[in-house]
Protein backbone atom coordinates (compact mmCIF):
# COMPACT_ATOMS: atom_id res chain seq x y z
CA MET A 1 -5.62 -10.76 -58.34
CA ARG A 2 -3.81 -8.13 -60.43
CA ILE A 3 -6.30 -5.41 -59.41
CA PHE A 4 -5.61 -6.02 -55.73
CA THR A 5 -1.87 -6.21 -56.38
CA LEU A 6 -1.99 -2.75 -57.93
CA LEU A 7 -4.04 -1.48 -54.98
CA LEU A 8 -1.54 -2.99 -52.57
CA LEU A 9 1.34 -1.30 -54.35
CA ALA A 10 -0.47 2.02 -54.24
CA LEU A 11 -1.04 1.68 -50.49
CA SER A 12 2.41 0.45 -49.48
CA VAL A 13 5.03 1.60 -51.97
CA THR A 14 5.24 5.36 -51.92
CA PRO A 15 7.84 7.65 -53.47
CA LEU A 16 10.90 8.42 -51.37
CA GLY A 17 9.44 10.14 -48.31
CA ALA A 18 10.58 13.42 -46.80
CA ALA A 19 12.57 11.79 -44.02
CA GLU A 20 14.25 9.40 -46.45
CA LYS A 21 15.11 12.22 -48.85
CA LYS A 22 16.55 14.30 -46.02
CA ALA A 23 18.57 11.35 -44.73
CA GLU A 24 19.90 10.69 -48.25
CA LYS A 25 20.99 14.31 -48.57
CA GLU A 26 22.58 14.59 -45.14
CA GLY A 27 24.08 11.12 -44.96
CA PRO A 28 24.29 9.10 -41.75
CA ALA A 29 25.51 10.52 -38.47
CA GLU A 30 29.03 9.32 -37.67
CA ASP A 31 27.94 6.95 -34.90
CA VAL A 32 25.16 5.56 -37.11
CA LYS A 33 27.62 5.03 -39.97
CA THR A 34 30.07 3.25 -37.67
CA GLU A 35 27.36 0.86 -36.52
CA ALA A 36 26.01 0.38 -40.04
CA LEU A 37 29.45 -0.60 -41.33
CA ALA A 38 30.23 -2.98 -38.47
CA LYS A 39 30.97 -6.42 -39.90
CA ARG A 40 28.64 -9.26 -38.97
CA PRO A 41 30.69 -12.13 -37.51
CA ARG A 42 30.71 -15.34 -39.57
CA VAL A 43 30.44 -17.95 -36.83
CA PRO A 44 30.39 -21.74 -37.17
CA GLY A 45 27.14 -23.66 -36.84
CA ARG A 46 24.82 -25.61 -39.11
CA LEU A 47 21.05 -25.73 -39.16
CA ALA A 48 19.27 -29.07 -39.50
CA VAL A 49 16.42 -28.03 -41.78
CA THR A 50 13.54 -30.24 -42.87
CA LEU A 51 12.28 -29.00 -46.22
CA ARG A 52 8.85 -29.94 -47.57
CA ASP A 53 7.97 -29.67 -51.24
CA ARG A 54 5.53 -31.34 -53.61
CA GLN A 55 6.39 -33.48 -56.61
CA LYS A 56 4.25 -34.46 -59.54
CA THR A 57 4.04 -38.22 -60.05
CA PRO A 58 3.97 -39.95 -63.47
CA ALA A 59 0.24 -40.44 -62.88
CA GLY A 60 -0.23 -36.67 -62.71
CA THR A 61 -0.92 -36.46 -58.98
CA VAL A 62 1.07 -34.33 -56.57
CA ARG A 63 2.56 -35.79 -53.41
CA PRO A 64 4.45 -34.13 -50.54
CA ARG A 65 8.11 -34.92 -50.01
CA THR A 66 10.33 -34.03 -47.06
CA ARG A 67 14.09 -34.04 -46.96
CA ARG A 68 16.61 -33.03 -44.33
CA VAL A 69 19.40 -30.70 -45.31
CA GLU A 70 22.04 -28.81 -43.39
CA TRP A 71 22.53 -25.09 -43.97
CA THR A 72 25.39 -23.02 -42.61
CA ALA A 73 23.74 -20.54 -40.26
CA SER A 74 26.00 -17.62 -41.20
CA GLU A 75 25.10 -18.20 -44.88
CA THR A 76 21.37 -18.01 -44.11
CA ALA A 77 19.13 -14.94 -44.02
CA VAL A 78 15.56 -14.38 -42.90
CA ILE A 79 13.44 -11.77 -44.70
CA ILE A 80 10.35 -10.56 -42.85
CA CYS A 81 7.75 -9.35 -45.35
CA ASP A 82 5.22 -6.60 -44.57
CA MET A 83 4.49 -7.41 -40.93
CA TRP A 84 2.88 -4.02 -40.46
CA ASN A 85 1.37 -2.55 -37.31
CA GLY A 86 -2.07 -2.32 -38.91
CA HIS A 87 -4.17 -3.19 -41.95
CA TYR A 88 -7.44 -2.09 -43.53
CA CYS A 89 -8.65 -5.70 -43.06
CA LEU A 90 -9.19 -6.08 -39.32
CA LEU A 91 -9.03 -9.88 -39.26
CA ALA A 92 -5.77 -9.79 -41.24
CA ALA A 93 -4.37 -7.34 -38.68
CA GLN A 94 -5.50 -9.56 -35.80
CA ARG A 95 -3.71 -12.57 -37.28
CA VAL A 96 -0.52 -10.50 -37.61
CA ASP A 97 -0.92 -9.46 -33.95
CA ALA A 98 -0.99 -13.14 -32.98
CA MET A 99 1.89 -14.12 -35.28
CA ALA A 100 4.32 -11.31 -34.46
CA PRO A 101 5.41 -12.53 -30.97
CA ARG A 102 5.96 -16.06 -32.31
CA MET A 103 7.98 -14.66 -35.19
CA ASN A 104 10.08 -12.57 -32.83
CA ARG A 105 10.98 -15.63 -30.76
CA VAL A 106 12.15 -17.44 -33.90
CA ILE A 107 14.26 -14.59 -35.26
CA THR A 108 15.75 -13.97 -31.82
CA ALA A 109 17.08 -17.53 -31.80
CA ALA A 110 18.11 -17.33 -35.47
CA ARG A 111 20.01 -14.09 -34.87
CA ALA A 112 21.81 -15.58 -31.88
CA HIS A 113 22.95 -18.53 -34.03
CA GLY A 114 24.51 -16.13 -36.55
CA MET A 115 21.80 -15.68 -39.18
CA MET A 116 21.15 -12.38 -40.96
CA ILE A 117 17.74 -10.79 -40.32
CA ILE A 118 16.25 -8.36 -42.85
CA HIS A 119 13.05 -6.48 -42.02
CA ALA A 120 11.01 -5.43 -45.07
CA PRO A 121 7.93 -3.42 -43.99
CA SER A 122 7.23 -2.03 -47.45
CA GLY A 123 6.38 1.65 -47.70
CA CYS A 124 7.64 2.47 -44.20
CA MET A 125 11.29 3.36 -44.82
CA ASP A 126 10.86 6.95 -43.55
CA VAL A 127 10.44 5.63 -40.01
CA TYR A 128 13.87 4.01 -40.15
CA ALA A 129 15.65 6.59 -42.33
CA LYS A 130 18.19 7.67 -39.69
CA THR A 131 18.85 4.25 -38.16
CA ALA A 132 21.96 2.12 -38.57
CA HIS A 133 19.72 -0.78 -39.65
CA ARG A 134 18.50 1.24 -42.63
CA TRP A 135 21.95 2.54 -43.51
CA ARG A 136 23.40 -0.98 -43.27
CA MET A 137 21.39 -1.78 -46.38
CA LYS A 138 21.97 1.51 -48.19
CA LEU A 139 25.75 1.52 -47.74
CA ALA A 140 26.30 -1.99 -49.12
CA PRO A 141 28.27 -1.87 -52.39
CA ALA A 142 26.07 -2.09 -55.47
CA THR A 143 26.24 -5.53 -57.06
CA LYS A 144 25.02 -6.46 -60.52
CA THR A 145 22.25 -9.04 -60.44
CA PRO A 146 22.41 -12.10 -62.71
CA ILE A 147 19.01 -11.15 -64.15
CA PRO A 148 17.19 -7.80 -64.33
CA LEU A 149 15.16 -7.17 -61.18
CA LYS A 150 11.41 -6.66 -61.42
CA GLY A 151 9.53 -4.11 -59.35
CA TRP A 152 6.78 -6.69 -58.87
CA CYS A 153 6.88 -10.35 -59.87
CA TYR A 154 3.47 -11.32 -61.19
CA ARG A 155 2.40 -14.94 -61.67
CA ASP A 156 4.43 -16.67 -64.34
CA PRO A 157 1.91 -18.62 -66.46
CA GLU A 158 4.72 -20.70 -67.96
CA ARG A 159 5.72 -21.93 -64.52
CA GLU A 160 2.60 -21.93 -62.36
CA PRO A 161 -1.18 -22.14 -62.79
CA GLU A 162 -3.64 -19.74 -61.19
CA LEU A 163 -3.35 -19.48 -57.43
CA PRO A 164 -5.75 -21.80 -55.56
CA VAL A 165 -7.71 -19.03 -53.82
CA ASP A 166 -9.84 -16.45 -55.61
CA VAL A 167 -9.37 -12.83 -54.56
CA SER A 168 -10.74 -11.28 -57.75
CA LYS A 169 -13.67 -9.64 -55.94
CA GLN A 170 -11.88 -8.77 -52.72
CA PRO A 171 -9.50 -10.62 -50.37
CA CYS A 172 -10.58 -9.42 -46.91
CA ASP A 173 -12.60 -11.78 -44.70
CA ASP A 174 -14.10 -9.15 -42.37
CA PRO A 175 -17.91 -9.49 -42.02
CA VAL A 176 -18.24 -6.02 -43.52
CA VAL A 177 -15.18 -4.98 -45.49
CA GLY A 178 -14.10 -1.40 -44.92
CA LYS A 179 -12.34 0.92 -47.33
CA ALA A 180 -8.95 -0.29 -48.54
CA VAL A 181 -6.98 2.59 -47.06
CA ARG A 182 -3.56 2.61 -45.44
CA ARG A 183 -3.78 1.84 -41.72
CA PHE A 184 -0.13 1.12 -40.93
CA SER A 185 3.00 3.21 -40.37
CA LYS A 186 5.80 0.77 -39.52
CA GLN A 187 6.62 -2.82 -38.68
CA HIS A 188 4.74 -4.45 -35.82
CA ASP A 189 6.27 -3.45 -32.48
CA ALA A 190 6.44 -7.06 -31.28
CA ILE A 191 9.15 -7.79 -33.88
CA LYS A 192 12.41 -6.30 -32.65
CA ILE A 193 15.01 -4.74 -34.94
CA THR A 194 18.45 -4.95 -33.35
CA GLY A 195 22.06 -6.05 -33.72
CA PHE A 196 23.26 -6.61 -37.28
CA ASP A 197 19.70 -6.56 -38.68
CA GLY A 198 18.87 -4.57 -41.81
CA VAL A 199 15.77 -2.66 -42.95
CA SER A 200 14.87 -2.36 -46.63
CA HIS A 201 12.07 -2.93 -49.14
CA SER A 202 14.37 -2.58 -52.15
CA GLY A 203 15.14 -5.67 -54.19
CA GLN A 204 18.49 -4.20 -55.24
CA GLU A 205 19.55 -3.19 -51.72
CA ILE A 206 18.62 -6.60 -50.36
CA TYR A 207 20.50 -8.36 -53.15
CA ASN A 208 23.55 -6.16 -52.45
CA VAL A 209 23.57 -7.21 -48.80
CA LEU A 210 22.91 -10.89 -49.48
CA HIS A 211 25.85 -10.88 -51.89
CA ARG A 212 28.13 -9.01 -49.51
CA GLU A 213 27.27 -11.28 -46.60
CA GLY A 214 27.83 -14.49 -48.55
CA ILE A 215 24.21 -15.57 -48.13
CA ARG A 216 23.15 -18.72 -49.98
CA ASN A 217 19.91 -19.61 -48.17
CA VAL A 218 16.94 -17.25 -47.71
CA VAL A 219 13.83 -17.90 -45.63
CA LEU A 220 10.73 -15.77 -46.24
CA MET A 221 8.18 -15.18 -43.50
CA GLY A 222 5.42 -12.65 -43.11
CA VAL A 223 2.36 -11.64 -45.12
CA HIS A 224 0.57 -12.09 -47.33
CA THR A 225 1.47 -15.46 -48.77
CA ASN A 226 -0.46 -15.17 -52.04
CA MET A 227 0.53 -11.55 -52.63
CA CYS A 228 3.62 -9.84 -51.21
CA VAL A 229 5.52 -12.94 -50.07
CA LEU A 230 5.46 -14.17 -53.66
CA GLY A 231 5.51 -10.94 -55.62
CA ARG A 232 7.61 -8.31 -53.86
CA PRO A 233 11.00 -7.41 -55.41
CA PHE A 234 12.53 -9.32 -52.49
CA GLY A 235 9.89 -12.08 -52.60
CA ILE A 236 9.98 -15.76 -53.43
CA ARG A 237 9.61 -15.51 -57.21
CA GLN A 238 12.46 -13.02 -57.55
CA LEU A 239 14.81 -14.77 -55.11
CA VAL A 240 14.32 -18.14 -56.78
CA ARG A 241 15.13 -16.61 -60.15
CA LEU A 242 18.24 -15.02 -58.62
CA GLY A 243 19.53 -18.47 -57.70
CA PHE A 244 19.20 -18.53 -53.91
CA ASN A 245 18.12 -21.58 -51.92
CA VAL A 246 14.72 -20.23 -50.90
CA ALA A 247 12.24 -21.56 -48.36
CA LEU A 248 8.95 -20.32 -46.92
CA ALA A 249 8.34 -20.49 -43.16
CA ARG A 250 4.90 -22.04 -43.49
CA ASP A 251 3.87 -21.52 -39.87
CA LEU A 252 4.87 -17.84 -39.91
CA THR A 253 2.78 -16.59 -42.81
CA ASP A 254 -0.83 -15.86 -43.66
CA ALA A 255 -2.82 -15.40 -46.86
CA MET A 256 -5.31 -12.73 -47.82
CA TYR A 257 -8.40 -14.78 -48.56
CA ASP A 258 -12.13 -14.53 -47.92
CA PRO A 259 -13.93 -17.89 -47.44
CA ARG A 260 -16.95 -16.38 -49.22
CA GLN A 261 -14.90 -16.75 -52.41
CA ALA A 262 -13.77 -19.91 -54.25
CA PRO A 263 -12.74 -22.52 -53.24
CA PHE A 264 -15.06 -21.77 -50.26
CA VAL A 265 -12.82 -23.22 -47.56
CA SER A 266 -11.76 -21.85 -44.17
CA HIS A 267 -9.21 -19.07 -44.06
CA THR A 268 -6.72 -21.48 -42.49
CA ARG A 269 -7.19 -24.01 -45.27
CA GLY A 270 -6.94 -21.24 -47.86
CA THR A 271 -3.51 -20.29 -46.50
CA GLN A 272 -2.46 -23.93 -46.55
CA LEU A 273 -3.52 -24.22 -50.20
CA VAL A 274 -1.33 -21.25 -51.11
CA VAL A 275 1.59 -22.81 -49.22
CA GLU A 276 1.06 -26.05 -51.14
CA HIS A 277 1.04 -24.07 -54.40
CA ILE A 278 4.40 -22.53 -53.50
CA GLU A 279 5.80 -25.92 -52.50
CA THR A 280 4.75 -27.32 -55.89
CA TYR A 281 5.86 -24.53 -58.21
CA TRP A 282 8.45 -22.36 -56.45
CA CYS A 283 10.28 -23.51 -53.35
CA PRO A 284 10.04 -25.79 -50.32
CA SER A 285 8.74 -24.76 -46.93
CA LEU A 286 10.04 -25.30 -43.42
CA LEU A 287 8.89 -24.65 -39.86
CA GLY A 288 10.14 -21.69 -37.88
CA ALA A 289 11.54 -24.04 -35.24
CA ASP A 290 14.06 -25.27 -37.82
CA LEU A 291 15.79 -21.87 -37.51
CA THR A 292 16.18 -22.16 -33.73
CA ARG A 293 18.32 -25.31 -33.52
CA ILE A 294 21.93 -25.95 -34.48
CA VAL A 295 23.42 -29.39 -35.21
CA PRO A 296 25.15 -30.44 -31.96
CA GLY A 297 28.88 -29.80 -32.13
CA SER A 298 28.72 -27.79 -35.36
CA ALA A 299 28.97 -24.45 -33.56
CA ASP A 300 32.12 -25.40 -31.63
CA PRO A 301 35.34 -23.44 -32.16
CA VAL A 302 37.23 -24.43 -35.28
CA VAL A 303 40.64 -25.86 -34.40
CA GLY A 304 43.46 -23.62 -35.52
CA THR A 305 41.47 -20.36 -35.66
CA LYS A 306 42.16 -17.34 -33.47
């Protein structure tokens, strides 16, 4: 796993690119800065979220548990991890193609209910260097984190066992696996970046914005479940350690796994096994539809406000 993590980092996290360096030096255009500094409205409304996790019983078995909680929509953020417009693994890219329109429908509803949307297509910041969405993240005041941030959060052997799918040989399930070279340049076009959305792959920038926006609840969606979704500096392991209420959108994610490797199950089941691992050792999961519905009456105007 660690070998492929290092390869992934090499492919997707590059030094500050030319466009990003130039944008840093010049600063944002005045109209871009005005939009980037526009304050996101904090509107009323609560989400009815059904969380699923897994608990160990006294007998040593693990059983699923669901519970319904209510989250304030304006205190909830969605982070979209590495939904690139291509991938060296063609089947992985095809699954992203199928997932992206479904994801866009969910975040469109979430955004309209007042949630914060952060797009994190790692290694692609140059494309967005001059946009208000990128500057919204960069201009947020620096905030000290309660723990030191890690550039990559590897598996914590004191907290979790080995992941349930083996990618030690290679993780791509193409019939003939091509060279692991970069085949993406930006986020998938089916996922729209608009409104008060932000764009960043920096753990510090994302923490700054979550703190500024009063975010308590963070939902991760995107790829790949057993790699970037867990390990990125804005991923599940880091966010849990930072103290956020974290959940994985289990129907809007996908693992990198080849059924020719242990445990020799279908790709779909391999992804489910990784989700179950996360539910057991890190955080609960939810369904994307949970982010599209508000508790009736909770979004009504608050009496006495102007």
